[in-house]
C-alpha atoms as a PDB file:
ATOM      1  CA  MET A   1       0.000   0.000   0.000  1.00  0.00           C
ATOM      2  CA  ASP A   2       1.438   3.382  -1.023  1.00  0.00           C
ATOM      3  CA  LEU A   3       0.498   6.824   0.271  1.00  0.00           C
ATOM      4  CA  GLN A   4      -2.024   7.529  -2.497  1.00  0.00           C
ATOM      5  CA  ILE A   5      -3.966   4.332  -1.808  1.00  0.00           C
ATOM      6  CA  ALA A   6      -3.869   5.057   1.923  1.00  0.00           C
ATOM      7  CA  LEU A   7      -5.309   8.520   1.318  1.00  0.00           C
ATOM      8  CA  LEU A   8      -8.044   7.144  -0.944  1.00  0.00           C
ATOM      9  CA  LEU A   9      -8.998   4.580   1.686  1.00  0.00           C
ATOM     10  CA  ALA A  10      -8.988   7.300   4.348  1.00  0.00           C
ATOM     11  CA  GLN A  11     -11.324   9.421   2.211  1.00  0.00           C
ATOM     12  CA  ASP A  12     -13.710   6.498   1.781  1.00  0.00           C
ATOM     13  CA  GLY A  13     -13.533   5.722   5.493  1.00  0.00           C
ATOM     14  CA  LEU A  14     -14.271   9.324   6.456  1.00  0.00           C
ATOM     15  CA  THR A  15     -17.241   9.443   4.065  1.00  0.00           C
ATOM     16  CA  ASN A  16     -18.757   6.310   5.595  1.00  0.00           C
ATOM     17  CA  GLY A  17     -17.684   7.389   9.074  1.00  0.00           C
ATOM     18  CA  ALA A  18     -19.559  10.689   8.736  1.00  0.00           C
ATOM     19  CA  ILE A  19     -22.779   8.737   8.193  1.00  0.00           C
ATOM     20  CA  TYR A  20     -21.984   6.385  11.067  1.00  0.00           C
ATOM     21  CA  VAL A  21     -21.424   9.436  13.293  1.00  0.00           C
ATOM     22  CA  LEU A  22     -24.935  10.706  12.589  1.00  0.00           C
ATOM     23  CA  LEU A  23     -26.481   7.308  13.287  1.00  0.00           C
ATOM     24  CA  ALA A  24     -24.418   6.843  16.454  1.00  0.00           C
ATOM     25  CA  LEU A  25     -25.580  10.232  17.763  1.00  0.00           C
ATOM     26  CA  ALA A  26     -29.198   9.309  17.017  1.00  0.00           C
ATOM     27  CA  LEU A  27     -28.841   5.966  18.820  1.00  0.00           C
ATOM     28  CA  VAL A  28     -27.259   7.625  21.864  1.00  0.00           C
ATOM     29  CA  LEU A  29     -30.033  10.249  21.929  1.00  0.00           C
ATOM     30  CA  VAL A  30     -32.847   7.697  21.796  1.00  0.00           C
ATOM     31  CA  PHE A  31     -31.262   5.454  24.408  1.00  0.00           C
ATOM     32  CA  ALA A  32     -30.482   8.327  26.772  1.00  0.00           C
ATOM     33  CA  VAL A  33     -34.037   9.679  26.633  1.00  0.00           C
ATOM     34  CA  THR A  34     -36.118   6.494  26.375  1.00  0.00           C
ATOM     35  CA  ARG A  35     -33.745   3.590  27.272  1.00  0.00           C
ATOM     36  CA  VAL A  36     -34.590   2.037  23.888  1.00  0.00           C
ATOM     37  CA  ILE A  37     -31.754   0.474  21.878  1.00  0.00           C
ATOM     38  CA  PHE A  38     -33.189   1.656  18.585  1.00  0.00           C
ATOM     39  CA  ILE A  39     -32.402  -1.213  16.230  1.00  0.00           C
ATOM     40  CA  PRO A  40     -34.874   0.032  13.531  1.00  0.00           C
ATOM     41  CA  GLN A  41     -32.678   3.117  13.029  1.00  0.00           C
ATOM     42  CA  GLY A  42     -31.299   1.517   9.880  1.00  0.00           C
ATOM     43  CA  GLU A  43     -34.762   1.107   8.378  1.00  0.00           C
ATOM     44  CA  PHE A  44     -35.157   4.884   8.304  1.00  0.00           C
ATOM     45  CA  VAL A  45     -31.888   5.072   6.340  1.00  0.00           C
ATOM     46  CA  ALA A  46     -33.256   2.658   3.742  1.00  0.00           C
ATOM     47  CA  PHE A  47     -36.717   4.232   3.665  1.00  0.00           C
ATOM     48  CA  GLY A  48     -35.293   7.721   3.134  1.00  0.00           C
ATOM     49  CA  ALA A  49     -33.101   6.591   0.236  1.00  0.00           C
ATOM     50  CA  LEU A  50     -35.727   4.373  -1.407  1.00  0.00           C
ATOM     51  CA  THR A  51     -38.447   7.017  -1.075  1.00  0.00           C
ATOM     52  CA  LEU A  52     -36.237   9.527  -2.873  1.00  0.00           C
ATOM     53  CA  ALA A  53     -35.400   6.907  -5.530  1.00  0.00           C
ATOM     54  CA  ALA A  54     -39.111   6.287  -6.114  1.00  0.00           C
ATOM     55  CA  PHE A  55     -39.723  10.006  -6.677  1.00  0.00           C
ATOM     56  CA  ASP A  56     -36.748  10.136  -9.028  1.00  0.00           C
ATOM     57  CA  ASN A  57     -38.279   7.288 -11.053  1.00  0.00           C
ATOM     58  CA  GLY A  58     -41.657   9.036 -11.214  1.00  0.00           C
ATOM     59  CA  LYS A  59     -43.396   6.574  -8.880  1.00  0.00           C
ATOM     60  CA  LEU A  60     -45.444   7.028  -5.742  1.00  0.00           C
ATOM     61  CA  PRO A  61     -43.266   5.631  -2.895  1.00  0.00           C
ATOM     62  CA  GLY A  62     -44.761   2.816  -0.852  1.00  0.00           C
ATOM     63  CA  THR A  63     -43.818   4.638   2.344  1.00  0.00           C
ATOM     64  CA  VAL A  64     -46.824   6.910   1.726  1.00  0.00           C
ATOM     65  CA  TRP A  65     -49.122   3.989   2.562  1.00  0.00           C
ATOM     66  CA  LEU A  66     -46.990   3.115   5.570  1.00  0.00           C
ATOM     67  CA  LEU A  67     -47.338   6.715   6.796  1.00  0.00           C
ATOM     68  CA  LEU A  68     -51.096   6.747   6.286  1.00  0.00           C
ATOM     69  CA  GLY A  69     -51.567   3.353   7.948  1.00  0.00           C
ATOM     70  CA  GLY A  70     -49.441   4.228  10.969  1.00  0.00           C
ATOM     71  CA  ALA A  71     -51.091   7.644  11.346  1.00  0.00           C
ATOM     72  CA  ALA A  72     -54.540   6.039  11.196  1.00  0.00           C
ATOM     73  CA  LEU A  73     -53.624   3.600  13.975  1.00  0.00           C
ATOM     74  CA  VAL A  74     -52.262   6.391  16.184  1.00  0.00           C
ATOM     75  CA  LEU A  75     -55.355   8.488  15.492  1.00  0.00           C
ATOM     76  CA  LEU A  76     -57.539   5.590  16.614  1.00  0.00           C
ATOM     77  CA  VAL A  77     -55.501   5.099  19.803  1.00  0.00           C
ATOM     78  CA  GLU A  78     -55.541   8.814  20.597  1.00  0.00           C
ATOM     79  CA  ALA A  79     -59.282   9.097  19.883  1.00  0.00           C
ATOM     80  CA  VAL A  80     -60.036   6.275  22.317  1.00  0.00           C
ATOM     81  CA  ALA A  81     -57.794   7.844  24.969  1.00  0.00           C
ATOM     82  CA  ALA A  82     -59.327  11.299  24.434  1.00  0.00           C
ATOM     83  CA  ARG A  83     -62.844   9.925  24.733  1.00  0.00           C
ATOM     84  CA  ARG A  84     -61.920   8.066  27.915  1.00  0.00           C
ATOM     85  CA  GLU A  85     -60.485  11.271  29.383  1.00  0.00           C
ATOM     86  CA  ARG A  86     -63.196  13.463  27.816  1.00  0.00           C
ATOM     87  CA  ASN A  87     -60.409  15.648  26.488  1.00  0.00           C
ATOM     88  CA  ASN A  88     -61.544  17.388  23.318  1.00  0.00           C
ATOM     89  CA  GLN A  89     -58.261  19.285  23.011  1.00  0.00           C
ATOM     90  CA  ARG A  90     -56.306  16.041  22.798  1.00  0.00           C
ATOM     91  CA  LEU A  91     -58.706  14.767  20.141  1.00  0.00           C
ATOM     92  CA  ALA A  92     -58.279  17.958  18.115  1.00  0.00           C
ATOM     93  CA  ARG A  93     -54.482  17.662  18.258  1.00  0.00           C
ATOM     94  CA  ALA A  94     -54.706  14.030  17.154  1.00  0.00           C
ATOM     95  CA  LEU A  95     -56.951  14.945  14.219  1.00  0.00           C
ATOM     96  CA  LEU A  96     -54.482  17.628  13.154  1.00  0.00           C
ATOM     97  CA  PHE A  97     -51.201  15.725  13.537  1.00  0.00           C
ATOM     98  CA  TYR A  98     -52.352  12.213  12.660  1.00  0.00           C
ATOM     99  CA  GLY A  99     -55.259  12.957  10.363  1.00  0.00           C
ATOM    100  CA  LEU A 100     -54.932  16.183   8.402  1.00  0.00           C
ATOM    101  CA  LEU A 101     -51.142  16.543   8.085  1.00  0.00           C
ATOM    102  CA  PRO A 102     -50.442  12.959   6.863  1.00  0.00           C
ATOM    103  CA  ALA A 103     -53.271  13.345   4.350  1.00  0.00           C
ATOM    104  CA  VAL A 104     -51.755  16.604   3.064  1.00  0.00           C
ATOM    105  CA  VAL A 105     -48.310  14.994   2.763  1.00  0.00           C
ATOM    106  CA  ALA A 106     -49.780  11.976   0.944  1.00  0.00           C
ATOM    107  CA  GLY A 107     -51.692  14.258  -1.429  1.00  0.00           C
ATOM    108  CA  ALA A 108     -48.558  16.268  -2.189  1.00  0.00           C
ATOM    109  CA  ALA A 109     -46.600  13.057  -2.816  1.00  0.00           C
ATOM    110  CA  TRP A 110     -49.290  11.724  -5.169  1.00  0.00           C
ATOM    111  CA  TRP A 111     -49.332  15.018  -7.067  1.00  0.00           C
ATOM    112  CA  ALA A 112     -45.552  15.262  -7.319  1.00  0.00           C
ATOM    113  CA  ALA A 113     -44.791  11.602  -8.094  1.00  0.00           C
ATOM    114  CA  ALA A 114     -45.318  11.802 -11.855  1.00  0.00           C
ATOM    115  CA  LEU A 115     -43.883  15.301 -12.293  1.00  0.00           C
ATOM    116  CA  LYS A 116     -40.236  14.542 -11.445  1.00  0.00           C
ATOM    117  CA  LEU A 117     -39.738  17.848  -9.682  1.00  0.00           C
ATOM    118  CA  ALA A 118     -36.384  19.354  -8.753  1.00  0.00           C
ATOM    119  CA  LEU A 119     -34.163  17.321  -6.425  1.00  0.00           C
ATOM    120  CA  PRO A 120     -34.566  19.657  -3.393  1.00  0.00           C
ATOM    121  CA  VAL A 121     -38.358  19.280  -3.628  1.00  0.00           C
ATOM    122  CA  GLN A 122     -38.060  15.506  -3.858  1.00  0.00           C
ATOM    123  CA  ILE A 123     -35.783  15.481  -0.802  1.00  0.00           C
ATOM    124  CA  ALA A 124     -38.203  17.652   1.170  1.00  0.00           C
ATOM    125  CA  LEU A 125     -41.127  15.382   0.271  1.00  0.00           C
ATOM    126  CA  SER A 126     -39.136  12.265   1.157  1.00  0.00           C
ATOM    127  CA  LEU A 127     -38.307  13.672   4.588  1.00  0.00           C
ATOM    128  CA  ALA A 128     -41.932  14.766   5.083  1.00  0.00           C
ATOM    129  CA  ILE A 129     -43.038  11.172   4.456  1.00  0.00           C
ATOM    130  CA  VAL A 130     -40.402   9.268   6.430  1.00  0.00           C
ATOM    131  CA  VAL A 131     -39.704  11.507   9.448  1.00  0.00           C
ATOM    132  CA  PRO A 132     -43.263  11.368  10.927  1.00  0.00           C
ATOM    133  CA  MET A 133     -42.903   7.588  11.143  1.00  0.00           C
ATOM    134  CA  GLY A 134     -40.526   8.149  14.085  1.00  0.00           C
ATOM    135  CA  PRO A 135     -43.112   9.586  16.526  1.00  0.00           C
ATOM    136  CA  ILE A 136     -45.760   7.255  15.100  1.00  0.00           C
ATOM    137  CA  LEU A 137     -43.539   4.284  15.868  1.00  0.00           C
ATOM    138  CA  TYR A 138     -42.860   5.580  19.367  1.00  0.00           C
ATOM    139  CA  ARG A 139     -46.565   6.120  20.110  1.00  0.00           C
ATOM    140  CA  LEU A 140     -47.596   2.665  18.911  1.00  0.00           C
ATOM    141  CA  ALA A 141     -44.732   0.444  20.066  1.00  0.00           C
ATOM    142  CA  PHE A 142     -42.723   2.116  22.814  1.00  0.00           C
ATOM    143  CA  GLN A 143     -44.770   4.709  24.689  1.00  0.00           C
ATOM    144  CA  PRO A 144     -47.144   2.084  26.165  1.00  0.00           C
ATOM    145  CA  LEU A 145     -44.035   0.258  27.495  1.00  0.00           C
ATOM    146  CA  ALA A 146     -42.124   3.347  28.648  1.00  0.00           C
ATOM    147  CA  GLU A 147     -41.650   1.975  32.176  1.00  0.00           C
ATOM    148  CA  ALA A 148     -40.655  -1.519  31.073  1.00  0.00           C
ATOM    149  CA  SER A 149     -37.155  -2.905  31.536  1.00  0.00           C
ATOM    150  CA  VAL A 150     -34.402  -2.337  28.984  1.00  0.00           C
ATOM    151  CA  LEU A 151     -34.582  -6.013  28.000  1.00  0.00           C
ATOM    152  CA  VAL A 152     -38.296  -5.790  27.185  1.00  0.00           C
ATOM    153  CA  LEU A 153     -37.713  -2.620  25.179  1.00  0.00           C
ATOM    154  CA  LEU A 154     -34.897  -4.369  23.299  1.00  0.00           C
ATOM    155  CA  ILE A 155     -37.170  -7.292  22.406  1.00  0.00           C
ATOM    156  CA  VAL A 156     -39.811  -4.866  21.134  1.00  0.00           C
ATOM    157  CA  SER A 157     -37.134  -3.012  19.159  1.00  0.00           C
ATOM    158  CA  VAL A 158     -36.074  -6.247  17.447  1.00  0.00           C
ATOM    159  CA  ALA A 159     -39.718  -7.032  16.627  1.00  0.00           C
ATOM    160  CA  VAL A 160     -40.246  -3.557  15.149  1.00  0.00           C
ATOM    161  CA  HIS A 161     -37.092  -3.959  13.052  1.00  0.00           C
ATOM    162  CA  LEU A 162     -38.325  -7.263  11.628  1.00  0.00           C
ATOM    163  CA  ALA A 163     -41.748  -5.795  10.890  1.00  0.00           C
ATOM    164  CA  LEU A 164     -40.297  -2.742   9.123  1.00  0.00           C
ATOM    165  CA  ALA A 165     -37.871  -4.899   7.138  1.00  0.00           C
ATOM    166  CA  GLY A 166     -40.774  -7.031   5.934  1.00  0.00           C
ATOM    167  CA  LEU A 167     -42.779  -3.934   5.012  1.00  0.00           C
ATOM    168  CA  GLY A 168     -39.765  -2.543   3.184  1.00  0.00           C
ATOM    169  CA  LEU A 169     -39.543  -5.716   1.103  1.00  0.00           C
ATOM    170  CA  PHE A 170     -43.278  -5.511   0.379  1.00  0.00           C
ATOM    171  CA  PHE A 171     -43.288  -1.861  -0.669  1.00  0.00           C
ATOM    172  CA  PHE A 172     -39.945  -1.628  -2.518  1.00  0.00           C
ATOM    173  CA  GLY A 173     -39.179  -5.188  -3.585  1.00  0.00           C
ATOM    174  CA  ALA A 174     -35.808  -6.915  -3.527  1.00  0.00           C
ATOM    175  CA  GLU A 175     -34.210  -4.688  -6.186  1.00  0.00           C
ATOM    176  CA  GLY A 176     -31.796  -1.992  -5.115  1.00  0.00           C
ATOM    177  CA  SER A 177     -31.950   1.665  -6.112  1.00  0.00           C
ATOM    178  CA  ARG A 178     -29.535   4.547  -6.479  1.00  0.00           C
ATOM    179  CA  THR A 179     -30.292   8.247  -6.889  1.00  0.00           C
ATOM    180  CA  PRO A 180     -28.456  10.951  -8.887  1.00  0.00           C
ATOM    181  CA  ALA A 181     -25.586  12.714  -7.147  1.00  0.00           C
ATOM    182  CA  PHE A 182     -26.212  16.130  -5.646  1.00  0.00           C
ATOM    183  CA  SER A 183     -23.155  17.380  -7.520  1.00  0.00           C
ATOM    184  CA  GLU A 184     -21.083  15.980 -10.375  1.00  0.00           C
ATOM    185  CA  ALA A 185     -18.066  18.094  -9.412  1.00  0.00           C
ATOM    186  CA  MET A 186     -14.681  16.482  -8.826  1.00  0.00           C
ATOM    187  CA  LEU A 187     -12.080  18.376  -6.812  1.00  0.00           C
ATOM    188  CA  LYS A 188      -8.397  17.524  -6.700  1.00  0.00           C
ATOM    189  CA  PHE A 189      -6.500  17.797  -3.412  1.00  0.00           C
ATOM    190  CA  GLY A 190      -2.875  16.889  -3.982  1.00  0.00           C
ATOM    191  CA  GLU A 191      -2.807  13.327  -5.246  1.00  0.00           C
ATOM    192  CA  ILE A 192      -6.427  12.425  -4.548  1.00  0.00           C
ATOM    193  CA  ASN A 193      -9.735  13.339  -6.162  1.00  0.00           C
ATOM    194  CA  VAL A 194     -12.704  14.101  -3.939  1.00  0.00           C
ATOM    195  CA  SER A 195     -16.201  13.829  -5.408  1.00  0.00           C
ATOM    196  CA  GLY A 196     -18.768  16.521  -4.887  1.00  0.00           C
ATOM    197  CA  GLN A 197     -21.086  13.993  -3.242  1.00  0.00           C
ATOM    198  CA  SER A 198     -18.443  13.196  -0.622  1.00  0.00           C
ATOM    199  CA  LEU A 199     -18.143  16.905   0.119  1.00  0.00           C
ATOM    200  CA  TRP A 200     -21.925  17.047   0.474  1.00  0.00           C
ATOM    201  CA  VAL A 201     -21.717  14.227   3.010  1.00  0.00           C
ATOM    202  CA  TYR A 202     -18.972  15.977   5.004  1.00  0.00           C
ATOM    203  CA  GLY A 203     -20.647  19.370   4.919  1.00  0.00           C
ATOM    204  CA  SER A 204     -24.166  18.143   5.653  1.00  0.00           C
ATOM    205  CA  SER A 205     -22.961  15.989   8.537  1.00  0.00           C
ATOM    206  CA  ALA A 206     -21.048  18.902  10.055  1.00  0.00           C
ATOM    207  CA  VAL A 207     -24.012  21.272   9.687  1.00  0.00           C
ATOM    208  CA  LEU A 208     -26.398  18.715  11.187  1.00  0.00           C
ATOM    209  CA  ILE A 209     -24.104  18.058  14.163  1.00  0.00           C
ATOM    210  CA  LEU A 210     -23.778  21.814  14.748  1.00  0.00           C
ATOM    211  CA  ALA A 211     -27.561  22.216  14.506  1.00  0.00           C
ATOM    212  CA  LEU A 212     -28.043  19.457  17.085  1.00  0.00           C
ATOM    213  CA  TYR A 213     -25.545  21.157  19.409  1.00  0.00           C
ATOM    214  CA  VAL A 214     -27.379  24.479  19.140  1.00  0.00           C
ATOM    215  CA  PHE A 215     -30.733  22.725  19.609  1.00  0.00           C
ATOM    216  CA  PHE A 216     -29.638  20.948  22.792  1.00  0.00           C
ATOM    217  CA  SER A 217     -27.843  23.935  24.284  1.00  0.00           C
ATOM    218  CA  ARG A 218     -30.110  26.840  23.323  1.00  0.00           C
ATOM    219  CA  SER A 219     -33.695  25.664  22.753  1.00  0.00           C
ATOM    220  CA  LEU A 220     -36.267  24.878  25.421  1.00  0.00           C
ATOM    221  CA  TYR A 221     -37.181  21.528  23.889  1.00  0.00           C
ATOM    222  CA  GLY A 222     -33.517  20.590  23.560  1.00  0.00           C
ATOM    223  CA  LYS A 223     -32.915  21.332  27.231  1.00  0.00           C
ATOM    224  CA  ALA A 224     -36.001  19.273  28.082  1.00  0.00           C
ATOM    225  CA  LEU A 225     -34.487  16.325  26.216  1.00  0.00           C
ATOM    226  CA  VAL A 226     -31.185  16.769  28.058  1.00  0.00           C
ATOM    227  CA  ALA A 227     -33.010  16.908  31.395  1.00  0.00           C
ATOM    228  CA  THR A 228     -34.956  13.742  30.581  1.00  0.00           C
ATOM    229  CA  ALA A 229     -31.759  11.970  29.545  1.00  0.00           C
ATOM    230  CA  VAL A 230     -30.001  12.949  32.779  1.00  0.00           C
ATOM    231  CA  ASN A 231     -32.852  12.139  35.173  1.00  0.00           C
ATOM    232  CA  ARG A 232     -36.248  10.948  33.967  1.00  0.00           C
ATOM    233  CA  THR A 233     -37.875  11.191  37.388  1.00  0.00           C
ATOM    234  CA  GLY A 234     -36.462  14.647  38.043  1.00  0.00           C
ATOM    235  CA  ALA A 235     -37.593  15.862  34.626  1.00  0.00           C
ATOM    236  CA  ARG A 236     -41.087  14.556  35.282  1.00  0.00           C
ATOM    237  CA  LEU A 237     -41.200  16.372  38.622  1.00  0.00           C
ATOM    238  CA  MET A 238     -40.200  19.593  36.832  1.00  0.00           C
ATOM    239  CA  GLY A 239     -43.204  19.279  34.522  1.00  0.00           C
ATOM    240  CA  ILE A 240     -41.469  17.761  31.495  1.00  0.00           C
ATOM    241  CA  ARG A 241     -43.647  15.089  29.935  1.00  0.00           C
ATOM    242  CA  THR A 242     -41.494  12.056  29.206  1.00  0.00           C
ATOM    243  CA  SER A 243     -43.907  11.016  26.441  1.00  0.00           C
ATOM    244  CA  MET A 244     -43.228  14.333  24.696  1.00  0.00           C
ATOM    245  CA  ALA A 245     -39.476  13.874  25.146  1.00  0.00           C
ATOM    246  CA  GLY A 246     -39.649  10.332  23.776  1.00  0.00           C
ATOM    247  CA  GLY A 247     -41.650  11.379  20.732  1.00  0.00           C
ATOM    248  CA  LEU A 248     -39.240  14.227  20.023  1.00  0.00           C
ATOM    249  CA  ALA A 249     -36.212  11.931  20.388  1.00  0.00           C
ATOM    250  CA  PHE A 250     -37.725   9.467  17.904  1.00  0.00           C
ATOM    251  CA  THR A 251     -38.539  12.331  15.526  1.00  0.00           C
ATOM    252  CA  LEU A 252     -34.927  13.499  15.564  1.00  0.00           C
ATOM    253  CA  ALA A 253     -33.663   9.933  15.130  1.00  0.00           C
ATOM    254  CA  ALA A 254     -35.984   9.379  12.157  1.00  0.00           C
ATOM    255  CA  ALA A 255     -34.883  12.683  10.596  1.00  0.00           C
ATOM    256  CA  ILE A 256     -31.204  11.818  11.023  1.00  0.00           C
ATOM    257  CA  GLY A 257     -31.717   8.316   9.629  1.00  0.00           C
ATOM    258  CA  ALA A 258     -33.758   9.436   6.614  1.00  0.00           C
ATOM    259  CA  PHE A 259     -31.356  12.272   5.791  1.00  0.00           C
ATOM    260  CA  SER A 260     -28.382   9.906   6.112  1.00  0.00           C
ATOM    261  CA  GLY A 261     -30.018   7.547   3.633  1.00  0.00           C
ATOM    262  CA  ILE A 262     -30.588  10.410   1.200  1.00  0.00           C
ATOM    263  CA  LEU A 263     -26.917  11.410   1.488  1.00  0.00           C
ATOM    264  CA  ILE A 264     -25.549   7.950   0.709  1.00  0.00           C
ATOM    265  CA  ALA A 265     -28.115   6.947  -1.932  1.00  0.00           C
ATOM    266  CA  PRO A 266     -25.976   8.412  -4.782  1.00  0.00           C
ATOM    267  CA  ILE A 267     -22.839   6.663  -3.454  1.00  0.00           C
ATOM    268  CA  THR A 268     -24.062   3.090  -3.012  1.00  0.00           C
ATOM    269  CA  THR A 269     -26.998   0.998  -4.125  1.00  0.00           C
ATOM    270  CA  ILE A 270     -29.602   0.813  -1.369  1.00  0.00           C
ATOM    271  CA  PHE A 271     -31.769  -2.269  -0.823  1.00  0.00           C
ATOM    272  CA  TYR A 272     -34.667  -2.628   1.578  1.00  0.00           C
ATOM    273  CA  ASP A 273     -32.397  -4.270   4.170  1.00  0.00           C
ATOM    274  CA  THR A 274     -29.220  -2.248   3.571  1.00  0.00           C
ATOM    275  CA  GLY A 275     -29.975   0.086   6.443  1.00  0.00           C
ATOM    276  CA  PHE A 276     -29.698  -2.687   9.020  1.00  0.00           C
ATOM    277  CA  ILE A 277     -25.952  -3.209   8.466  1.00  0.00           C
ATOM    278  CA  ILE A 278     -25.342   0.551   8.287  1.00  0.00           C
ATOM    279  CA  GLY A 279     -27.287   1.036  11.511  1.00  0.00           C
ATOM    280  CA  LEU A 280     -25.312  -1.721  13.225  1.00  0.00           C
ATOM    281  CA  LYS A 281     -22.048   0.019  12.366  1.00  0.00           C
ATOM    282  CA  GLY A 282     -23.432   3.209  13.873  1.00  0.00           C
ATOM    283  CA  PHE A 283     -24.383   1.134  16.894  1.00  0.00           C
ATOM    284  CA  VAL A 284     -20.775  -0.049  17.253  1.00  0.00           C
ATOM    285  CA  GLY A 285     -19.725   3.598  17.379  1.00  0.00           C
ATOM    286  CA  ALA A 286     -22.418   4.319  19.953  1.00  0.00           C
ATOM    287  CA  ILE A 287     -21.206   1.396  22.082  1.00  0.00           C
ATOM    288  CA  VAL A 288     -17.695   2.848  22.057  1.00  0.00           C
ATOM    289  CA  GLY A 289     -19.282   5.903  23.669  1.00  0.00           C
ATOM    290  CA  GLY A 290     -21.104   3.735  26.178  1.00  0.00           C
ATOM    291  CA  LEU A 291     -24.459   4.852  24.736  1.00  0.00           C
ATOM    292  CA  ALA A 292     -23.957   7.990  26.820  1.00  0.00           C
ATOM    293  CA  SER A 293     -21.157  10.201  25.480  1.00  0.00           C
ATOM    294  CA  TYR A 294     -21.873  12.014  22.201  1.00  0.00           C
ATOM    295  CA  PRO A 295     -18.243  13.042  21.443  1.00  0.00           C
ATOM    296  CA  VAL A 296     -16.845   9.568  22.195  1.00  0.00           C
ATOM    297  CA  ALA A 297     -19.617   7.956  20.127  1.00  0.00           C
ATOM    298  CA  ALA A 298     -18.765  10.277  17.224  1.00  0.00           C
ATOM    299  CA  GLY A 299     -15.081   9.369  17.500  1.00  0.00           C
ATOM    300  CA  GLY A 300     -15.930   5.682  17.682  1.00  0.00           C
ATOM    301  CA  ALA A 301     -18.113   5.951  14.567  1.00  0.00           C
ATOM    302  CA  LEU A 302     -15.298   7.619  12.611  1.00  0.00           C
ATOM    303  CA  LEU A 303     -12.971   4.848  13.785  1.00  0.00           C
ATOM    304  CA  VAL A 304     -15.457   2.263  12.518  1.00  0.00           C
ATOM    305  CA  GLY A 305     -15.515   3.927   9.093  1.00  0.00           C
ATOM    306  CA  LEU A 306     -11.730   3.999   8.831  1.00  0.00           C
ATOM    307  CA  ILE A 307     -11.303   0.403  10.043  1.00  0.00           C
ATOM    308  CA  GLU A 308     -13.928  -0.769   7.555  1.00  0.00           C
ATOM    309  CA  SER A 309     -12.198   1.033   4.698  1.00  0.00           C
ATOM    310  CA  TYR A 310      -8.719  -0.320   5.421  1.00  0.00           C
ATOM    311  CA  ALA A 311     -10.088  -3.790   6.192  1.00  0.00           C
ATOM    312  CA  SER A 312     -11.753  -3.855   2.760  1.00  0.00           C
ATOM    313  CA  PHE A 313      -8.268  -3.428   1.228  1.00  0.00           C
ATOM    314  CA  TRP A 314      -6.396  -5.959   3.350  1.00  0.00           C
ATOM    315  CA  ALA A 315      -9.143  -8.549   3.884  1.00  0.00           C
ATOM    316  CA  SER A 316     -12.306  -7.607   2.018  1.00  0.00           C
ATOM    317  CA  ALA A 317     -14.014 -10.921   2.766  1.00  0.00           C
ATOM    318  CA  PHE A 318     -13.696 -10.318   6.501  1.00  0.00           C
ATOM    319  CA  LYS A 319     -14.251  -6.561   6.755  1.00  0.00           C
ATOM    320  CA  GLU A 320     -17.652  -6.937   8.435  1.00  0.00           C
ATOM    321  CA  VAL A 321     -16.225  -9.422  10.920  1.00  0.00           C
ATOM    322  CA  ILE A 322     -13.342  -7.080  11.730  1.00  0.00           C
ATOM    323  CA  VAL A 323     -15.683  -4.106  12.264  1.00  0.00           C
ATOM    324  CA  PHE A 324     -18.105  -5.940  14.514  1.00  0.00           C
ATOM    325  CA  THR A 325     -15.300  -7.635  16.445  1.00  0.00           C
ATOM    326  CA  LEU A 326     -14.304  -4.138  17.558  1.00  0.00           C
ATOM    327  CA  ILE A 327     -17.213  -4.208  19.976  1.00  0.00           C
ATOM    328  CA  ILE A 328     -15.750  -7.092  22.015  1.00  0.00           C
ATOM    329  CA  PRO A 329     -12.713  -5.331  23.558  1.00  0.00           C
ATOM    330  CA  VAL A 330     -14.842  -2.224  24.184  1.00  0.00           C
ATOM    331  CA  LEU A 331     -17.468  -4.213  26.096  1.00  0.00           C
ATOM    332  CA  LEU A 332     -14.778  -6.145  27.961  1.00  0.00           C
ATOM    333  CA  TRP A 333     -13.003  -2.959  29.003  1.00  0.00           C
ATOM    334  CA  ARG A 334     -16.235  -1.319  30.127  1.00  0.00           C
ATOM    335  CA  SER A 335     -17.302  -4.373  32.104  1.00  0.00           C
ATOM    336  CA  LEU A 336     -14.005  -4.327  33.985  1.00  0.00           C
ATOM    337  CA  THR A 337     -13.878  -0.585  34.650  1.00  0.00           C
ATOM    338  CA  THR A 338     -17.525   0.402  35.187  1.00  0.00           C
ATOM    339  CA  HIS A 339     -19.301  -0.073  38.508  1.00  0.00           C
ATOM    340  CA  HIS A 340     -22.511  -2.072  38.030  1.00  0.00           C
ATOM    341  CA  ILE A 341     -25.687  -0.242  39.027  1.00  0.00           C
ATOM    342  CA  GLU A 342     -29.047  -1.956  39.239  1.00  0.00           C
ATOM    343  CA  GLU A 343     -31.660  -0.458  36.931  1.00  0.00           C
ATOM    344  CA  ASP A 344     -34.091   0.276  39.750  1.00  0.00           C
ATOM    345  CA  GLU A 345     -31.458   2.440  41.441  1.00  0.00           C
END
C-alpha cells in the first residue's frame, strides 16, 4: 500500500464514518431519553433513500401507505384515549397531527410523483413522508411500554425492526436503487480526487451536528431532552412530559436516519435491508461511547468507518467481521472498569 492508496482509503472511510457518526448520535439520543436500543434506526436510512429513488423514477413511494396506515392507527388510539379522558383538546391535536397533516403529505406526494420535480423538492417530500414515522412508531410500540425494563424494550425493538424490514420488502421489492448525485463536481487535493457527493456528506454531517448542538444547548425543547436523559424522574417532577421527550427523540432519530439515507443513496446501491448493516455500524460507534457520550460515540463511529475502509483493502471478505469484532474489547473494558448499578437504582 502506497500513500495515495492510503489517502483514498482514508477518504472512503471518512465518508462512511460521517454517516456512522450521525447514526451513532441518534442511537445515543434515543437510548439516553427512552432507554430504547433503537435497532430500527437503519430502516429509516433505507426508507429515506428508497423514497427519494421512487420520486426520481416518477413513482409514488410505498412509504406513503406506511405513513397513512401508521397515522390512522395512532389516530384511533388517541381518539379512544381522548374519549376516555373526555379531552376534546387532545382529540383535536390528534386529528391535526395524525389525520390532516399525513393526508396533506400523501396528497402532495401523489401530485408530485409523476412530475419529477427538482431534487430539493423531492428530498423535502421524502423527509416529510419518512420523518413522521418516528413519533408514530414511538406512540404505537414504545410509549405504552415506557416503564418496562431495557430487555423488554430491546425485544420490542427487534420485533419492530423485523416488521419494518418485511414492510420494506413488500413496498420496494428486492431490487436496489440509487439516486443521482447532488453534484457531479470532482475536486483535486494533492494526489487524490474528492467527489462533490463526498463533500456534500462531510458538509451536511457537520451542519447537522452543529444544529443538534445548538438545539440541545439553546432551545427549550432541547434542554427538556437533556433533562430527561439525565434524570427521567427529576424531569417529570419539573413538569417535562417524558412522552413528549420520547416522541421528540424518535422524531430526531428518524430525521437523522432518513437524511443519512438520502446522502448515501448516490454513493451506493440501497436495498430494503441495507440500512440494518449501516445502523449496526453506527451502533458499534455508539457502544464505544457507552451509549452515553456524544463526542466519544462520534469518535468511535469515525474509527469504525476507517477500520472498515482499510479492512476492505487488506481482507475484504472479513471486513464486516473485523468491524463488529471491535465491539468485544470495548465491552470487555467497560465491564471491567464500570461499577454495576441496578436499573431500579
